[in-house]
């Protein structure tokens, strides 16, 4: 089952492995705090604006859903 914990973990993995970005980079661009970004990546926050940052930076919905590997 797909839940925010899984989505957040996949987004965090994409950010680190593909984009080579930090949570601070996400926070600066979105206007959220680093703790908000961390909460999103650990499933404790379901911010649509933070999620859209990952899509804007090339993450596909297929990668979010687990149908495509993140390389």
PDB file of N, CA and C in Angstrom:
ATOM      1  N   UNK A   1       0.837  -1.191   0.000  1.00  0.00           N
ATOM      2  CA  UNK A   1       0.000   0.000   0.000  1.00  0.00           C
ATOM      3  C   UNK A   1       0.876   1.246   0.000  1.00  0.00           C
ATOM      4  N   UNK A   2       0.528   2.188  -0.826  1.00  0.00           N
ATOM      5  CA  UNK A   2       1.264   3.440  -0.916  1.00  0.00           C
ATOM      6  C   UNK A   2       0.749   4.403   0.139  1.00  0.00           C
ATOM      7  N   UNK A   3       1.630   4.904   0.960  1.00  0.00           N
ATOM      8  CA  UNK A   3       1.244   5.895   1.957  1.00  0.00           C
ATOM      9  C   UNK A   3       2.291   6.997   1.987  1.00  0.00           C
ATOM     10  N   UNK A   4       2.079   7.995   2.790  1.00  0.00           N
ATOM     11  CA  UNK A   4       2.992   9.143   2.806  1.00  0.00           C
ATOM     12  C   UNK A   4       4.393   8.767   3.266  1.00  0.00           C
ATOM     13  N   UNK A   5       4.517   7.753   4.090  1.00  0.00           N
ATOM     14  CA  UNK A   5       5.842   7.310   4.504  1.00  0.00           C
ATOM     15  C   UNK A   5       6.632   6.799   3.305  1.00  0.00           C
ATOM     16  N   UNK A   6       5.998   5.987   2.474  1.00  0.00           N
ATOM     17  CA  UNK A   6       6.642   5.443   1.278  1.00  0.00           C
ATOM     18  C   UNK A   6       6.952   6.568   0.288  1.00  0.00           C
ATOM     19  N   UNK A   7       5.990   7.449   0.056  1.00  0.00           N
ATOM     20  CA  UNK A   7       6.189   8.576  -0.867  1.00  0.00           C
ATOM     21  C   UNK A   7       7.353   9.442  -0.378  1.00  0.00           C
ATOM     22  N   UNK A   8       7.355   9.766   0.888  1.00  0.00           N
ATOM     23  CA  UNK A   8       8.412  10.605   1.449  1.00  0.00           C
ATOM     24  C   UNK A   8       9.787   9.967   1.322  1.00  0.00           C
ATOM     25  N   UNK A   9       9.858   8.676   1.616  1.00  0.00           N
ATOM     26  CA  UNK A   9      11.143   7.981   1.509  1.00  0.00           C
ATOM     27  C   UNK A   9      11.641   7.964   0.069  1.00  0.00           C
ATOM     28  N   UNK A  10      10.748   7.703  -0.865  1.00  0.00           N
ATOM     29  CA  UNK A  10      11.151   7.695  -2.283  1.00  0.00           C
ATOM     30  C   UNK A  10      11.609   9.082  -2.728  1.00  0.00           C
ATOM     31  N   UNK A  11      10.919  10.109  -2.280  1.00  0.00           N
ATOM     32  CA  UNK A  11      11.317  11.475  -2.629  1.00  0.00           C
ATOM     33  C   UNK A  11      12.682  11.810  -2.038  1.00  0.00           C
ATOM     34  N   UNK A  12      12.903  11.437  -0.785  1.00  0.00           N
ATOM     35  CA  UNK A  12      14.193  11.690  -0.150  1.00  0.00           C
ATOM     36  C   UNK A  12      15.324  10.956  -0.856  1.00  0.00           C
ATOM     37  N   UNK A  13      15.058   9.728  -1.236  1.00  0.00           N
ATOM     38  CA  UNK A  13      16.054   8.932  -1.955  1.00  0.00           C
ATOM     39  C   UNK A  13      16.380   9.590  -3.295  1.00  0.00           C
ATOM     40  N   UNK A  14      15.359  10.026  -4.011  1.00  0.00           N
ATOM     41  CA  UNK A  14      15.541  10.706  -5.303  1.00  0.00           C
ATOM     42  C   UNK A  14      16.367  11.978  -5.119  1.00  0.00           C
ATOM     43  N   UNK A  15      16.024  12.749  -4.106  1.00  0.00           N
ATOM     44  CA  UNK A  15      16.739  14.003  -3.844  1.00  0.00           C
ATOM     45  C   UNK A  15      18.227  13.746  -3.621  1.00  0.00           C
ATOM     46  N   UNK A  16      18.539  12.729  -2.814  1.00  0.00           N
ATOM     47  CA  UNK A  16      19.936  12.445  -2.486  1.00  0.00           C
ATOM     48  C   UNK A  16      20.696  11.802  -3.635  1.00  0.00           C
ATOM     49  N   UNK A  17      20.119  10.778  -4.248  1.00  0.00           N
ATOM     50  CA  UNK A  17      20.836   9.972  -5.236  1.00  0.00           C
ATOM     51  C   UNK A  17      20.852  10.590  -6.633  1.00  0.00           C
ATOM     52  N   UNK A  18      19.766  11.200  -7.038  1.00  0.00           N
ATOM     53  CA  UNK A  18      19.670  11.734  -8.400  1.00  0.00           C
ATOM     54  C   UNK A  18      20.047  13.214  -8.436  1.00  0.00           C
ATOM     55  N   UNK A  19      19.455  13.985  -7.561  1.00  0.00           N
ATOM     56  CA  UNK A  19      19.668  15.427  -7.593  1.00  0.00           C
ATOM     57  C   UNK A  19      20.905  15.877  -6.827  1.00  0.00           C
ATOM     58  N   UNK A  20      21.370  15.018  -5.916  1.00  0.00           N
ATOM     59  CA  UNK A  20      22.529  15.378  -5.068  1.00  0.00           C
ATOM     60  C   UNK A  20      22.251  16.688  -4.319  1.00  0.00           C
ATOM     61  N   UNK A  21      21.011  16.843  -3.881  1.00  0.00           N
ATOM     62  CA  UNK A  21      20.578  18.042  -3.161  1.00  0.00           C
ATOM     63  C   UNK A  21      20.409  17.731  -1.688  1.00  0.00           C
ATOM     64  N   UNK A  22      20.356  18.776  -0.905  1.00  0.00           N
ATOM     65  CA  UNK A  22      20.128  18.632   0.528  1.00  0.00           C
ATOM     66  C   UNK A  22      18.701  19.054   0.869  1.00  0.00           C
ATOM     67  N   UNK A  23      18.283  18.714   2.058  1.00  0.00           N
ATOM     68  CA  UNK A  23      16.976  19.174   2.513  1.00  0.00           C
ATOM     69  C   UNK A  23      16.961  20.694   2.601  1.00  0.00           C
ATOM     70  N   UNK A  24      18.100  21.281   2.891  1.00  0.00           N
ATOM     71  CA  UNK A  24      18.184  22.739   2.948  1.00  0.00           C
ATOM     72  C   UNK A  24      17.908  23.348   1.571  1.00  0.00           C
ATOM     73  N   UNK A  25      18.395  22.700   0.508  1.00  0.00           N
ATOM     74  CA  UNK A  25      18.114  23.181  -0.855  1.00  0.00           C
ATOM     75  C   UNK A  25      16.609  23.200  -1.116  1.00  0.00           C
ATOM     76  N   UNK A  26      15.938  22.123  -0.723  1.00  0.00           N
ATOM     77  CA  UNK A  26      14.483  22.033  -0.907  1.00  0.00           C
ATOM     78  C   UNK A  26      13.798  23.130  -0.088  1.00  0.00           C
ATOM     79  N   UNK A  27      14.233  23.289   1.149  1.00  0.00           N
ATOM     80  CA  UNK A  27      13.631  24.286   2.040  1.00  0.00           C
ATOM     81  C   UNK A  27      13.761  25.700   1.466  1.00  0.00           C
ATOM     82  N   UNK A  28      14.923  26.020   0.956  1.00  0.00           N
ATOM     83  CA  UNK A  28      15.146  27.362   0.400  1.00  0.00           C
ATOM     84  C   UNK A  28      14.228  27.612  -0.793  1.00  0.00           C
ATOM     85  N   UNK A  29      14.127  26.636  -1.679  1.00  0.00           N
ATOM     86  CA  UNK A  29      13.303  26.823  -2.884  1.00  0.00           C
ATOM     87  C   UNK A  29      11.804  26.827  -2.604  1.00  0.00           C
ATOM     88  N   UNK A  30      11.376  26.081  -1.592  1.00  0.00           N
ATOM     89  CA  UNK A  30       9.936  25.996  -1.308  1.00  0.00           C
ATOM     90  C   UNK A  30       9.463  27.013  -0.286  1.00  0.00           C
ATOM     91  N   UNK A  31      10.402  27.571   0.478  1.00  0.00           N
ATOM     92  CA  UNK A  31      10.012  28.509   1.530  1.00  0.00           C
ATOM     93  C   UNK A  31       9.601  27.825   2.816  1.00  0.00           C
ATOM     94  N   UNK A  32       9.789  26.509   2.885  1.00  0.00           N
ATOM     95  CA  UNK A  32       9.509  25.758   4.097  1.00  0.00           C
ATOM     96  C   UNK A  32      10.790  25.597   4.902  1.00  0.00           C
ATOM     97  N   UNK A  33      10.670  25.186   6.138  1.00  0.00           N
ATOM     98  CA  UNK A  33      11.851  24.942   6.956  1.00  0.00           C
ATOM     99  C   UNK A  33      12.430  23.560   6.648  1.00  0.00           C
ATOM    100  N   UNK A  34      13.681  23.369   7.017  1.00  0.00           N
ATOM    101  CA  UNK A  34      14.322  22.068   6.846  1.00  0.00           C
ATOM    102  C   UNK A  34      13.548  21.011   7.628  1.00  0.00           C
ATOM    103  N   UNK A  35      13.034  21.368   8.787  1.00  0.00           N
ATOM    104  CA  UNK A  35      12.275  20.390   9.580  1.00  0.00           C
ATOM    105  C   UNK A  35      10.975  19.995   8.876  1.00  0.00           C
ATOM    106  N   UNK A  36      10.371  20.905   8.117  1.00  0.00           N
ATOM    107  CA  UNK A  36       9.182  20.550   7.335  1.00  0.00           C
ATOM    108  C   UNK A  36       9.534  19.581   6.210  1.00  0.00           C
ATOM    109  N   UNK A  37      10.657  19.801   5.557  1.00  0.00           N
ATOM    110  CA  UNK A  37      11.106  18.905   4.485  1.00  0.00           C
ATOM    111  C   UNK A  37      11.422  17.539   5.068  1.00  0.00           C
ATOM    112  N   UNK A  38      12.095  17.523   6.208  1.00  0.00           N
ATOM    113  CA  UNK A  38      12.406  16.261   6.883  1.00  0.00           C
ATOM    114  C   UNK A  38      11.124  15.522   7.254  1.00  0.00           C
ATOM    115  N   UNK A  39      10.155  16.258   7.767  1.00  0.00           N
ATOM    116  CA  UNK A  39       8.877  15.643   8.140  1.00  0.00           C
ATOM    117  C   UNK A  39       8.182  15.045   6.922  1.00  0.00           C
ATOM    118  N   UNK A  40       8.273  15.719   5.784  1.00  0.00           N
ATOM    119  CA  UNK A  40       7.686  15.182   4.556  1.00  0.00           C
ATOM    120  C   UNK A  40       8.373  13.878   4.168  1.00  0.00           C
ATOM    121  N   UNK A  41       9.700  13.870   4.200  1.00  0.00           N
ATOM    122  CA  UNK A  41      10.454  12.690   3.764  1.00  0.00           C
ATOM    123  C   UNK A  41      10.341  11.515   4.727  1.00  0.00           C
ATOM    124  N   UNK A  42       9.836  11.762   5.913  1.00  0.00           N
ATOM    125  CA  UNK A  42       9.631  10.674   6.885  1.00  0.00           C
ATOM    126  C   UNK A  42       8.151  10.394   7.125  1.00  0.00           C
ATOM    127  N   UNK A  43       7.295  10.934   6.263  1.00  0.00           N
ATOM    128  CA  UNK A  43       5.869  10.617   6.309  1.00  0.00           C
ATOM    129  C   UNK A  43       5.083  11.301   7.400  1.00  0.00           C
ATOM    130  N   UNK A  44       5.652  12.310   8.048  1.00  0.00           N
ATOM    131  CA  UNK A  44       4.952  13.009   9.125  1.00  0.00           C
ATOM    132  C   UNK A  44       4.289  14.295   8.651  1.00  0.00           C
ATOM    133  N   UNK A  45       4.432  14.609   7.369  1.00  0.00           N
ATOM    134  CA  UNK A  45       3.896  15.836   6.794  1.00  0.00           C
ATOM    135  C   UNK A  45       3.487  15.492   5.363  1.00  0.00           C
ATOM    136  N   UNK A  46       2.353  15.938   4.942  1.00  0.00           N
ATOM    137  CA  UNK A  46       1.904  15.628   3.580  1.00  0.00           C
ATOM    138  C   UNK A  46       1.760  16.892   2.723  1.00  0.00           C
ATOM    139  N   UNK A  47       2.742  17.762   2.818  1.00  0.00           N
ATOM    140  CA  UNK A  47       2.707  19.027   2.104  1.00  0.00           C
ATOM    141  C   UNK A  47       2.749  18.834   0.586  1.00  0.00           C
ATOM    142  N   UNK A  48       1.719  19.292  -0.066  1.00  0.00           N
ATOM    143  CA  UNK A  48       1.657  19.221  -1.521  1.00  0.00           C
ATOM    144  C   UNK A  48       2.737  20.085  -2.162  1.00  0.00           C
ATOM    145  N   UNK A  49       3.010  21.230  -1.577  1.00  0.00           N
ATOM    146  CA  UNK A  49       4.020  22.131  -2.142  1.00  0.00           C
ATOM    147  C   UNK A  49       5.410  21.496  -2.110  1.00  0.00           C
ATOM    148  N   UNK A  50       5.727  20.810  -1.046  1.00  0.00           N
ATOM    149  CA  UNK A  50       7.030  20.133  -0.983  1.00  0.00           C
ATOM    150  C   UNK A  50       7.047  19.002  -2.005  1.00  0.00           C
ATOM    151  N   UNK A  51       5.976  18.237  -2.097  1.00  0.00           N
ATOM    152  CA  UNK A  51       5.901  17.139  -3.062  1.00  0.00           C
ATOM    153  C   UNK A  51       6.083  17.653  -4.491  1.00  0.00           C
ATOM    154  N   UNK A  52       5.475  18.778  -4.794  1.00  0.00           N
ATOM    155  CA  UNK A  52       5.594  19.341  -6.142  1.00  0.00           C
ATOM    156  C   UNK A  52       7.029  19.731  -6.480  1.00  0.00           C
ATOM    157  N   UNK A  53       7.837  20.057  -5.467  1.00  0.00           N
ATOM    158  CA  UNK A  53       9.241  20.383  -5.712  1.00  0.00           C
ATOM    159  C   UNK A  53       9.940  19.203  -6.377  1.00  0.00           C
ATOM    160  N   UNK A  54       9.676  17.990  -5.896  1.00  0.00           N
ATOM    161  CA  UNK A  54      10.314  16.790  -6.465  1.00  0.00           C
ATOM    162  C   UNK A  54       9.864  16.565  -7.908  1.00  0.00           C
ATOM    163  N   UNK A  55       8.588  16.773  -8.173  1.00  0.00           N
ATOM    164  CA  UNK A  55       8.092  16.630  -9.539  1.00  0.00           C
ATOM    165  C   UNK A  55       8.699  17.694 -10.446  1.00  0.00           C
ATOM    166  N   UNK A  56       8.796  18.907  -9.948  1.00  0.00           N
ATOM    167  CA  UNK A  56       9.392  20.011 -10.717  1.00  0.00           C
ATOM    168  C   UNK A  56      10.850  19.706 -11.072  1.00  0.00           C
ATOM    169  N   UNK A  57      11.526  18.960 -10.213  1.00  0.00           N
ATOM    170  CA  UNK A  57      12.935  18.648 -10.422  1.00  0.00           C
ATOM    171  C   UNK A  57      13.146  17.281 -11.073  1.00  0.00           C
ATOM    172  N   UNK A  58      12.124  16.798 -11.767  1.00  0.00           N
ATOM    173  CA  UNK A  58      12.295  15.646 -12.645  1.00  0.00           C
ATOM    174  C   UNK A  58      11.836  14.301 -12.139  1.00  0.00           C
ATOM    175  N   UNK A  59      11.375  14.199 -10.911  1.00  0.00           N
ATOM    176  CA  UNK A  59      10.880  12.915 -10.419  1.00  0.00           C
ATOM    177  C   UNK A  59       9.539  12.633 -11.087  1.00  0.00           C
ATOM    178  N   UNK A  60       9.392  11.423 -11.621  1.00  0.00           N
ATOM    179  CA  UNK A  60       8.145  11.084 -12.304  1.00  0.00           C
ATOM    180  C   UNK A  60       7.151  10.463 -11.323  1.00  0.00           C
ATOM    181  N   UNK A  61       5.886  10.565 -11.653  1.00  0.00           N
ATOM    182  CA  UNK A  61       4.870   9.912 -10.818  1.00  0.00           C
ATOM    183  C   UNK A  61       5.091   8.408 -10.789  1.00  0.00           C
ATOM    184  N   UNK A  62       5.611   7.864 -11.887  1.00  0.00           N
ATOM    185  CA  UNK A  62       5.905   6.448 -11.933  1.00  0.00           C
ATOM    186  C   UNK A  62       6.969   6.074 -10.911  1.00  0.00           C
ATOM    187  N   UNK A  63       7.957   6.948 -10.709  1.00  0.00           N
ATOM    188  CA  UNK A  63       8.967   6.706  -9.680  1.00  0.00           C
ATOM    189  C   UNK A  63       8.362   6.824  -8.282  1.00  0.00           C
ATOM    190  N   UNK A  64       7.481   7.768  -8.091  1.00  0.00           N
ATOM    191  CA  UNK A  64       6.814   7.928  -6.809  1.00  0.00           C
ATOM    192  C   UNK A  64       6.008   6.684  -6.466  1.00  0.00           C
ATOM    193  N   UNK A  65       5.323   6.140  -7.468  1.00  0.00           N
ATOM    194  CA  UNK A  65       4.459   4.980  -7.252  1.00  0.00           C
ATOM    195  C   UNK A  65       5.227   3.669  -7.201  1.00  0.00           C
ATOM    196  N   UNK A  66       6.506   3.705  -7.542  1.00  0.00           N
ATOM    197  CA  UNK A  66       7.330   2.502  -7.469  1.00  0.00           C
ATOM    198  C   UNK A  66       7.336   1.667  -8.740  1.00  0.00           C
ATOM    199  N   UNK A  67       6.746   2.185  -9.817  1.00  0.00           N
ATOM    200  CA  UNK A  67       6.707   1.444 -11.065  1.00  0.00           C
ATOM    201  C   UNK A  67       7.948   1.629 -11.924  1.00  0.00           C
ATOM    202  N   UNK A  68       8.808   2.540 -11.497  1.00  0.00           N
ATOM    203  CA  UNK A  68      10.038   2.832 -12.246  1.00  0.00           C
ATOM    204  C   UNK A  68      11.158   3.019 -11.228  1.00  0.00           C
ATOM    205  N   UNK A  69      12.289   2.395 -11.503  1.00  0.00           N
ATOM    206  CA  UNK A  69      13.420   2.498 -10.583  1.00  0.00           C
ATOM    207  C   UNK A  69      13.973   3.912 -10.555  1.00  0.00           C
ATOM    208  N   UNK A  70      14.476   4.289  -9.401  1.00  0.00           N
ATOM    209  CA  UNK A  70      15.165   5.566  -9.244  1.00  0.00           C
ATOM    210  C   UNK A  70      16.652   5.281  -9.340  1.00  0.00           C
ATOM    211  N   UNK A  71      17.280   5.856 -10.342  1.00  0.00           N
ATOM    212  CA  UNK A  71      18.705   5.581 -10.548  1.00  0.00           C
ATOM    213  C   UNK A  71      19.556   6.772 -10.303  1.00  0.00           C
TER     214      UNK A  71
END
